[in-house]
C-alpha atoms as a PDB file:
ATOM      1  CA  MET A   1      30.182  -3.552  -1.179  1.00  0.00           C
ATOM      2  CA  LYS A   2      27.054  -5.143   1.713  1.00  0.00           C
ATOM      3  CA  GLU A   3      25.742  -7.917   0.406  1.00  0.00           C
ATOM      4  CA  TYR A   4      21.562  -8.975   1.154  1.00  0.00           C
ATOM      5  CA  THR A   5      20.025 -11.634   0.551  1.00  0.00           C
ATOM      6  CA  ILE A   6      15.933 -11.365  -0.502  1.00  0.00           C
ATOM      7  CA  ARG A   7      13.527 -12.766   2.019  1.00  0.00           C
ATOM      8  CA  GLY A   8      12.564 -16.435   0.743  1.00  0.00           C
ATOM      9  CA  ASN A   9      15.417 -18.251  -1.092  1.00  0.00           C
ATOM     10  CA  GLU A  10      19.043 -17.478  -0.312  1.00  0.00           C
ATOM     11  CA  PHE A  11      19.160 -14.965  -3.622  1.00  0.00           C
ATOM     12  CA  LYS A  12      21.770 -11.952  -3.088  1.00  0.00           C
ATOM     13  CA  LEU A  13      21.273  -8.721  -4.034  1.00  0.00           C
ATOM     14  CA  ARG A  14      24.334  -6.436  -3.777  1.00  0.00           C
ATOM     15  CA  TYR A  15      24.929  -2.891  -2.467  1.00  0.00           C
ATOM     16  CA  PHE A  16      26.903   0.110  -1.905  1.00  0.00           C
ATOM     17  CA  ASP A  17      25.484   2.204   1.098  1.00  0.00           C
ATOM     18  CA  PHE A  18      27.645   5.567   1.373  1.00  0.00           C
ATOM     19  CA  TYR A  19      27.398   7.237   4.591  1.00  0.00           C
ATOM     20  CA  GLY A  20      25.690  10.090   5.130  1.00  0.00           C
ATOM     21  CA  ASN A  21      23.926  11.984   7.624  1.00  0.00           C
ATOM     22  CA  LYS A  22      20.495  13.872   6.044  1.00  0.00           C
ATOM     23  CA  THR A  23      17.541  11.866   4.008  1.00  0.00           C
ATOM     24  CA  PRO A  24      19.478   8.107   2.230  1.00  0.00           C
ATOM     25  CA  ILE A  25      18.896   8.466  -1.118  1.00  0.00           C
ATOM     26  CA  LEU A  26      18.084   4.537  -3.220  1.00  0.00           C
ATOM     27  CA  PHE A  27      19.472   4.861  -6.897  1.00  0.00           C
ATOM     28  CA  ILE A  28      17.800   2.465  -8.986  1.00  0.00           C
ATOM     29  CA  HIS A  29      19.256   1.667 -12.329  1.00  0.00           C
ATOM     30  CA  GLY A  30      18.063   0.863 -16.076  1.00  0.00           C
ATOM     31  CA  LEU A  31      17.930  -1.960 -17.881  1.00  0.00           C
ATOM     32  CA  GLY A  32      21.727  -3.794 -18.656  1.00  0.00           C
ATOM     33  CA  CYS A  33      22.913  -1.241 -16.070  1.00  0.00           C
ATOM     34  CA  ALA A  34      24.186  -1.378 -12.416  1.00  0.00           C
ATOM     35  CA  GLY A  35      24.080   0.680  -9.906  1.00  0.00           C
ATOM     36  CA  SER A  36      27.435  -0.440  -8.858  1.00  0.00           C
ATOM     37  CA  PHE A  37      28.330   1.216 -12.839  1.00  0.00           C
ATOM     38  CA  ASP A  38      25.728   3.722 -13.188  1.00  0.00           C
ATOM     39  CA  TYR A  39      26.096   5.813  -9.581  1.00  0.00           C
ATOM     40  CA  ILE A  40      28.806   5.389  -8.061  1.00  0.00           C
ATOM     41  CA  ASP A  41      30.167   8.850  -9.439  1.00  0.00           C
ATOM     42  CA  VAL A  42      27.335  10.612  -9.070  1.00  0.00           C
ATOM     43  CA  ALA A  43      27.170   9.339  -5.421  1.00  0.00           C
ATOM     44  CA  PHE A  44      30.250  10.896  -4.590  1.00  0.00           C
ATOM     45  CA  GLN A  45      29.896  14.668  -5.384  1.00  0.00           C
ATOM     46  CA  ASP A  46      30.276  16.807  -3.322  1.00  0.00           C
ATOM     47  CA  ASP A  47      26.793  18.344  -3.946  1.00  0.00           C
ATOM     48  CA  LEU A  48      25.109  15.184  -2.555  1.00  0.00           C
ATOM     49  CA  SER A  49      28.084  14.411   0.278  1.00  0.00           C
ATOM     50  CA  GLU A  50      25.934  15.270   3.301  1.00  0.00           C
ATOM     51  CA  HIS A  51      23.571  12.560   2.108  1.00  0.00           C
ATOM     52  CA  ARG A  52      23.416   9.041   2.368  1.00  0.00           C
ATOM     53  CA  LYS A  53      23.243   7.283  -0.769  1.00  0.00           C
ATOM     54  CA  ILE A  54      22.936   3.774  -1.395  1.00  0.00           C
ATOM     55  CA  VAL A  55      23.813   2.715  -4.798  1.00  0.00           C
ATOM     56  CA  VAL A  56      22.314  -1.255  -6.112  1.00  0.00           C
ATOM     57  CA  ASP A  57      22.455  -3.443  -8.687  1.00  0.00           C
ATOM     58  CA  LEU A  58      19.016  -4.931  -9.328  1.00  0.00           C
ATOM     59  CA  LEU A  59      19.123  -9.040  -9.733  1.00  0.00           C
ATOM     60  CA  GLY A  60      20.418  -9.972 -12.374  1.00  0.00           C
ATOM     61  CA  ALA A  61      22.514  -7.124 -13.338  1.00  0.00           C
ATOM     62  CA  GLY A  62      25.969  -6.056 -11.886  1.00  0.00           C
ATOM     63  CA  TYR A  63      27.037  -8.296  -8.799  1.00  0.00           C
ATOM     64  CA  SER A  64      23.965  -9.100  -7.346  1.00  0.00           C
ATOM     65  CA  ASP A  65      23.203 -13.177  -8.093  1.00  0.00           C
ATOM     66  CA  LYS A  66      21.649 -13.378 -11.297  1.00  0.00           C
ATOM     67  CA  PRO A  67      18.730 -16.906 -10.859  1.00  0.00           C
ATOM     68  CA  PRO A  68      17.575 -18.190 -13.716  1.00  0.00           C
ATOM     69  CA  ASN A  69      14.341 -19.111 -11.861  1.00  0.00           C
ATOM     70  CA  PHE A  70      13.224 -16.025 -10.665  1.00  0.00           C
ATOM     71  CA  THR A  71      10.567 -13.872 -12.034  1.00  0.00           C
ATOM     72  CA  TYR A  72      12.270 -10.614 -13.894  1.00  0.00           C
ATOM     73  CA  SER A  73       9.750  -7.794 -13.851  1.00  0.00           C
ATOM     74  CA  VAL A  74       9.392  -4.789 -13.040  1.00  0.00           C
ATOM     75  CA  ASN A  75       6.755  -5.215  -9.806  1.00  0.00           C
ATOM     76  CA  SER A  76       9.124  -8.271  -8.629  1.00  0.00           C
ATOM     77  CA  HIS A  77      11.962  -5.569  -8.073  1.00  0.00           C
ATOM     78  CA  ALA A  78       9.887  -3.606  -6.776  1.00  0.00           C
ATOM     79  CA  GLU A  79       8.290  -5.850  -4.082  1.00  0.00           C
ATOM     80  CA  TYR A  80      11.732  -6.906  -2.658  1.00  0.00           C
ATOM     81  CA  LEU A  81      13.634  -3.398  -3.668  1.00  0.00           C
ATOM     82  CA  ASN A  82      10.075  -2.549  -0.685  1.00  0.00           C
ATOM     83  CA  GLU A  83      11.129  -6.041   1.809  1.00  0.00           C
ATOM     84  CA  PHE A  84      15.118  -3.972   1.319  1.00  0.00           C
ATOM     85  CA  ILE A  85      14.466  -0.764   2.525  1.00  0.00           C
ATOM     86  CA  ASP A  86      12.333  -2.258   5.782  1.00  0.00           C
ATOM     87  CA  ASP A  87      14.808  -5.010   6.701  1.00  0.00           C
ATOM     88  CA  ILE A  88      18.032  -2.183   6.153  1.00  0.00           C
ATOM     89  CA  GLY A  89      15.948  -0.132   8.551  1.00  0.00           C
ATOM     90  CA  LEU A  90      14.985   3.231   6.215  1.00  0.00           C
ATOM     91  CA  GLY A  91      12.733   5.665   7.141  1.00  0.00           C
ATOM     92  CA  GLU A  92      12.454   8.520   5.216  1.00  0.00           C
ATOM     93  CA  LEU A  93      13.718   8.445   1.996  1.00  0.00           C
ATOM     94  CA  VAL A  94      14.141   9.858  -2.098  1.00  0.00           C
ATOM     95  CA  ILE A  95      13.654   7.328  -4.121  1.00  0.00           C
ATOM     96  CA  PHE A  96      15.739   7.965  -7.610  1.00  0.00           C
ATOM     97  CA  GLY A  97      15.262   5.906 -10.935  1.00  0.00           C
ATOM     98  CA  HIS A  98      16.516   5.755 -14.411  1.00  0.00           C
ATOM     99  CA  SER A  99      14.853   4.577 -17.561  1.00  0.00           C
ATOM    100  CA  LEU A 100      13.192   1.819 -16.901  1.00  0.00           C
ATOM    101  CA  GLY A 101      14.555   1.152 -13.107  1.00  0.00           C
ATOM    102  CA  GLY A 102      12.144   4.702 -13.089  1.00  0.00           C
ATOM    103  CA  PRO A 103       8.703   2.507 -13.652  1.00  0.00           C
ATOM    104  CA  ILE A 104      10.403  -0.075 -10.764  1.00  0.00           C
ATOM    105  CA  ALA A 105      11.003   3.642  -8.428  1.00  0.00           C
ATOM    106  CA  ILE A 106       6.909   3.626  -8.931  1.00  0.00           C
ATOM    107  CA  GLU A 107       5.669   0.764  -8.406  1.00  0.00           C
ATOM    108  CA  LEU A 108       8.520   0.515  -4.769  1.00  0.00           C
ATOM    109  CA  CYS A 109       6.880   4.058  -4.350  1.00  0.00           C
ATOM    110  CA  ASN A 110       2.892   2.563  -4.085  1.00  0.00           C
ATOM    111  CA  LEU A 111       4.562  -0.213  -2.160  1.00  0.00           C
ATOM    112  CA  CYS A 112       6.226   2.707   0.695  1.00  0.00           C
ATOM    113  CA  ARG A 113       4.147   5.945  -0.090  1.00  0.00           C
ATOM    114  CA  ASP A 114       4.320   6.882   3.458  1.00  0.00           C
ATOM    115  CA  LYS A 115       7.975   6.458   3.220  1.00  0.00           C
ATOM    116  CA  VAL A 116       8.641   8.709   0.150  1.00  0.00           C
ATOM    117  CA  LYS A 117      10.073  12.020   1.059  1.00  0.00           C
ATOM    118  CA  LYS A 118      10.035  13.133  -2.661  1.00  0.00           C
ATOM    119  CA  LEU A 119      10.862  10.612  -6.438  1.00  0.00           C
ATOM    120  CA  ILE A 120      13.601  11.826  -8.849  1.00  0.00           C
ATOM    121  CA  LEU A 121      13.123  10.168 -12.366  1.00  0.00           C
ATOM    122  CA  SER A 122      14.921  10.629 -15.261  1.00  0.00           C
ATOM    123  CA  GLU A 123      13.768   9.707 -18.353  1.00  0.00           C
ATOM    124  CA  PRO A 124      11.687   7.451 -17.376  1.00  0.00           C
ATOM    125  CA  ASN A 125       9.603   4.341 -18.973  1.00  0.00           C
ATOM    126  CA  LEU A 126       6.102   6.149 -18.393  1.00  0.00           C
ATOM    127  CA  ALA A 127       3.995   4.346 -21.205  1.00  0.00           C
ATOM    128  CA  PRO A 128       4.999   1.113 -23.110  1.00  0.00           C
ATOM    129  CA  SER A 129       8.001   0.501 -24.575  1.00  0.00           C
ATOM    130  CA  THR A 130       7.744   1.053 -28.896  1.00  0.00           C
ATOM    131  CA  LYS A 131       9.635  -0.077 -31.767  1.00  0.00           C
ATOM    132  CA  GLY A 132      12.604   1.281 -32.775  1.00  0.00           C
ATOM    133  CA  SER A 133      13.531   1.390 -28.313  1.00  0.00           C
ATOM    134  CA  ALA A 134      15.957  -0.932 -27.212  1.00  0.00           C
ATOM    135  CA  SER A 135      13.559  -2.488 -24.909  1.00  0.00           C
ATOM    136  CA  TRP A 136      11.454  -2.994 -27.698  1.00  0.00           C
ATOM    137  CA  GLU A 137      14.053  -5.087 -30.034  1.00  0.00           C
ATOM    138  CA  LEU A 138      15.071  -7.295 -26.875  1.00  0.00           C
ATOM    139  CA  SER A 139      12.414  -8.214 -26.126  1.00  0.00           C
ATOM    140  CA  GLN A 140      11.852  -9.146 -29.848  1.00  0.00           C
ATOM    141  CA  LEU A 141      14.360 -11.949 -29.550  1.00  0.00           C
ATOM    142  CA  ASN A 142      13.774 -15.464 -29.603  1.00  0.00           C
ATOM    143  CA  ASN A 143      14.373 -17.284 -25.994  1.00  0.00           C
ATOM    144  CA  LYS A 144      15.629 -19.970 -27.015  1.00  0.00           C
ATOM    145  CA  ASN A 145      19.223 -18.318 -28.539  1.00  0.00           C
ATOM    146  CA  LEU A 146      18.917 -15.763 -26.200  1.00  0.00           C
ATOM    147  CA  ASP A 147      22.306 -16.248 -25.434  1.00  0.00           C
ATOM    148  CA  SER A 148      23.543 -16.305 -29.205  1.00  0.00           C
ATOM    149  CA  GLU A 149      21.361 -13.642 -29.368  1.00  0.00           C
ATOM    150  CA  ILE A 150      22.211 -10.751 -26.831  1.00  0.00           C
ATOM    151  CA  LEU A 151      25.885 -11.708 -27.605  1.00  0.00           C
ATOM    152  CA  GLU A 152      24.992 -10.296 -31.192  1.00  0.00           C
ATOM    153  CA  LYS A 153      22.651  -7.511 -29.676  1.00  0.00           C
ATOM    154  CA  ILE A 154      25.655  -6.219 -27.313  1.00  0.00           C
ATOM    155  CA  LYS A 155      28.120  -6.264 -30.447  1.00  0.00           C
ATOM    156  CA  GLU A 156      25.986  -4.521 -33.127  1.00  0.00           C
ATOM    157  CA  TYR A 157      25.786  -1.483 -29.886  1.00  0.00           C
ATOM    158  CA  MET A 158      30.012  -2.046 -29.046  1.00  0.00           C
ATOM    159  CA  GLU A 159      29.852  -1.729 -32.879  1.00  0.00           C
ATOM    160  CA  SER A 160      28.302   1.720 -32.978  1.00  0.00           C
ATOM    161  CA  GLY A 161      30.013   3.594 -30.556  1.00  0.00           C
ATOM    162  CA  ASN A 162      27.471   2.588 -27.725  1.00  0.00           C
ATOM    163  CA  THR A 163      30.312   0.230 -25.657  1.00  0.00           C
ATOM    164  CA  MET A 164      29.266   2.015 -21.809  1.00  0.00           C
ATOM    165  CA  TRP A 165      26.290   0.153 -22.518  1.00  0.00           C
ATOM    166  CA  ALA A 166      27.931  -2.826 -24.048  1.00  0.00           C
ATOM    167  CA  SER A 167      29.915  -3.167 -21.565  1.00  0.00           C
ATOM    168  CA  SER A 168      27.742  -3.207 -18.727  1.00  0.00           C
ATOM    169  CA  LEU A 169      24.743  -5.076 -20.921  1.00  0.00           C
ATOM    170  CA  LYS A 170      28.125  -8.157 -20.688  1.00  0.00           C
ATOM    171  CA  ASN A 171      27.294  -8.364 -16.998  1.00  0.00           C
ATOM    172  CA  CYS A 172      23.219  -9.577 -17.184  1.00  0.00           C
ATOM    173  CA  LEU A 173      21.369 -12.452 -16.883  1.00  0.00           C
ATOM    174  CA  PRO A 174      20.169 -12.760 -20.389  1.00  0.00           C
ATOM    175  CA  LYS A 175      17.044 -13.523 -19.548  1.00  0.00           C
ATOM    176  CA  ALA A 176      16.601 -10.761 -16.683  1.00  0.00           C
ATOM    177  CA  ILE A 177      17.289  -8.778 -20.156  1.00  0.00           C
ATOM    178  CA  HIS A 178      14.398 -10.780 -22.449  1.00  0.00           C
ATOM    179  CA  GLU A 179      11.801 -10.492 -19.532  1.00  0.00           C
ATOM    180  CA  MET A 180      12.216  -6.997 -18.263  1.00  0.00           C
ATOM    181  CA  SER A 181      11.997  -5.755 -21.809  1.00  0.00           C
ATOM    182  CA  LYS A 182       9.074  -7.689 -23.088  1.00  0.00           C
ATOM    183  CA  ASN A 183       7.527  -5.661 -19.170  1.00  0.00           C
ATOM    184  CA  ALA A 184       8.918  -2.948 -20.798  1.00  0.00           C
ATOM    185  CA  VAL A 185       6.776  -3.085 -24.025  1.00  0.00           C
ATOM    186  CA  SER A 186       3.777  -4.683 -22.152  1.00  0.00           C
ATOM    187  CA  GLY A 187       4.125  -1.690 -20.020  1.00  0.00           C
ATOM    188  CA  GLY A 188       2.423  -1.653 -15.990  1.00  0.00           C
ATOM    189  CA  ILE A 189      -1.786  -2.704 -14.652  1.00  0.00           C
ATOM    190  CA  PRO A 190      -2.470   0.050 -13.903  1.00  0.00           C
ATOM    191  CA  SER A 191      -0.640   1.990 -16.472  1.00  0.00           C
ATOM    192  CA  TRP A 192       2.914   3.505 -14.341  1.00  0.00           C
ATOM    193  CA  LYS A 193       1.776   7.571 -15.813  1.00  0.00           C
ATOM    194  CA  THR A 194      -2.048   6.739 -13.442  1.00  0.00           C
ATOM    195  CA  THR A 195       0.306   4.883 -10.106  1.00  0.00           C
ATOM    196  CA  LEU A 196       2.444   8.186 -10.881  1.00  0.00           C
ATOM    197  CA  PHE A 197      -0.002  10.747 -11.402  1.00  0.00           C
ATOM    198  CA  SER A 198      -1.641   9.549  -7.678  1.00  0.00           C
ATOM    199  CA  PHE A 199       1.211  10.423  -5.629  1.00  0.00           C
ATOM    200  CA  GLU A 200       0.972  13.638  -3.233  1.00  0.00           C
ATOM    201  CA  PHE A 201       4.837  13.064  -1.974  1.00  0.00           C
ATOM    202  CA  PRO A 202       6.902  15.764  -4.440  1.00  0.00           C
ATOM    203  CA  ARG A 203       8.134  14.627  -7.659  1.00  0.00           C
ATOM    204  CA  CYS A 204      11.055  15.513 -10.010  1.00  0.00           C
ATOM    205  CA  PHE A 205      11.915  14.555 -13.339  1.00  0.00           C
ATOM    206  CA  ILE A 206      15.370  15.328 -14.988  1.00  0.00           C
ATOM    207  CA  PHE A 207      16.240  14.616 -19.175  1.00  0.00           C
ATOM    208  CA  GLY A 208      19.169  15.070 -20.838  1.00  0.00           C
ATOM    209  CA  GLU A 209      19.306  17.825 -23.424  1.00  0.00           C
ATOM    210  CA  LYS A 210      20.682  14.935 -26.337  1.00  0.00           C
ATOM    211  CA  SER A 211      17.059  13.118 -25.860  1.00  0.00           C
ATOM    212  CA  LEU A 212      15.413  16.823 -26.347  1.00  0.00           C
ATOM    213  CA  PRO A 213      12.617  16.442 -28.680  1.00  0.00           C
ATOM    214  CA  ASP A 214      11.064  14.525 -26.298  1.00  0.00           C
ATOM    215  CA  GLU A 215       7.032  12.846 -26.561  1.00  0.00           C
ATOM    216  CA  ASP A 216       7.250  12.750 -22.583  1.00  0.00           C
ATOM    217  CA  TYR A 217       9.253  15.321 -22.156  1.00  0.00           C
ATOM    218  CA  ASP A 218       5.673  17.476 -23.900  1.00  0.00           C
ATOM    219  CA  ASP A 219       3.729  15.973 -21.557  1.00  0.00           C
ATOM    220  CA  LEU A 220       5.130  16.498 -19.029  1.00  0.00           C
ATOM    221  CA  THR A 221       5.725  20.006 -20.065  1.00  0.00           C
ATOM    222  CA  PHE A 222       2.429  21.044 -20.524  1.00  0.00           C
ATOM    223  CA  LYS A 223       0.633  18.807 -17.263  1.00  0.00           C
ATOM    224  CA  HIS A 224       3.713  21.523 -15.236  1.00  0.00           C
ATOM    225  CA  GLU A 225       5.383  19.073 -13.816  1.00  0.00           C
ATOM    226  CA  ASN A 226       9.408  20.074 -12.297  1.00  0.00           C
ATOM    227  CA  ILE A 227      11.788  19.594 -14.405  1.00  0.00           C
ATOM    228  CA  ALA A 228      15.029  19.936 -15.344  1.00  0.00           C
ATOM    229  CA  ILE A 229      17.796  19.355 -18.201  1.00  0.00           C
ATOM    230  CA  ILE A 230      21.348  18.355 -18.146  1.00  0.00           C
ATOM    231  CA  LYS A 231      22.919  19.795 -20.295  1.00  0.00           C
ATOM    232  CA  ASN A 232      25.860  18.330 -22.652  1.00  0.00           C
ATOM    233  CA  ALA A 233      23.953  14.926 -21.800  1.00  0.00           C
ATOM    234  CA  GLY A 234      21.372  12.848 -23.518  1.00  0.00           C
ATOM    235  CA  HIS A 235      19.437   9.533 -21.775  1.00  0.00           C
ATOM    236  CA  SER A 236      23.086   7.948 -20.486  1.00  0.00           C
ATOM    237  CA  MET A 237      23.441  10.721 -18.007  1.00  0.00           C
ATOM    238  CA  ALA A 238      24.684   9.368 -15.182  1.00  0.00           C
ATOM    239  CA  TRP A 239      28.290   9.142 -17.527  1.00  0.00           C
ATOM    240  CA  GLU A 240      27.772  11.624 -19.772  1.00  0.00           C
ATOM    241  CA  ASN A 241      27.444  14.489 -16.916  1.00  0.00           C
ATOM    242  CA  PRO A 242      27.321  13.214 -13.253  1.00  0.00           C
ATOM    243  CA  LYS A 243      28.363  16.347 -11.762  1.00  0.00           C
ATOM    244  CA  ASP A 244      25.750  18.205 -13.039  1.00  0.00           C
ATOM    245  CA  LEU A 245      22.787  15.050 -12.497  1.00  0.00           C
ATOM    246  CA  ALA A 246      24.010  15.384  -8.720  1.00  0.00           C
ATOM    247  CA  ARG A 247      23.869  19.536  -8.324  1.00  0.00           C
ATOM    248  CA  ILE A 248      20.694  18.873  -9.653  1.00  0.00           C
ATOM    249  CA  ILE A 249      19.298  16.553  -7.207  1.00  0.00           C
ATOM    250  CA  LYS A 250      20.487  18.439  -4.552  1.00  0.00           C
ATOM    251  CA  ASN A 251      18.763  21.506  -5.783  1.00  0.00           C
ATOM    252  CA  PHE A 252      15.531  19.622  -5.558  1.00  0.00           C
ATOM    253  CA  LEU A 253      15.856  18.185  -2.758  1.00  0.00           C
END
């Protein structure tokens, strides 16, 4: 694992940089997750062996620093990731974003359009989160009792059988979870969809078959977007079927 110091402060972003001589792929994880937890198995699949793979833990998650004085938002993550890809010397790259990492990937692409070869989004948040979603639930927590309320939610997720995500969520800063969840509910300005559909480079959307039916899937199908479906997987496709996820990524590249 390597570390990168965010410009203008001492906050450390930690990441893996796996060798490959073909176009680099930057993996951006979703809410309550970490690249080091989600994408190592994907990165080591044979289908991606020729590509350089950069797997980050966003600030507030996984092994990266968890500064309490950082503003956790889609835009703030995109801004330091844009500096990160410059500072480690990346030229043309593929950007992959999952779930709430999708909007981060979209905003990052907006900052570095000239470097983006392709964009891959797996079940991304394209519209503001609504009641019933995990991000909506987490956005409603009381900021004054955040630590204890996050622990209660983790206990609920554990008891419901969502043990993988609950384990990852434990290693995230509660403030980061809360602020990112609130951003998921408020959405982007302009909307993430508006920004996404302004891009001219190729894009692909991935859905797990267990997540269907899905409104975004229906909308993207209507728009004749490039969509792939992963068998035997739902939203947590990187854990459930990393081999087929890597295959679909490779096929799009």
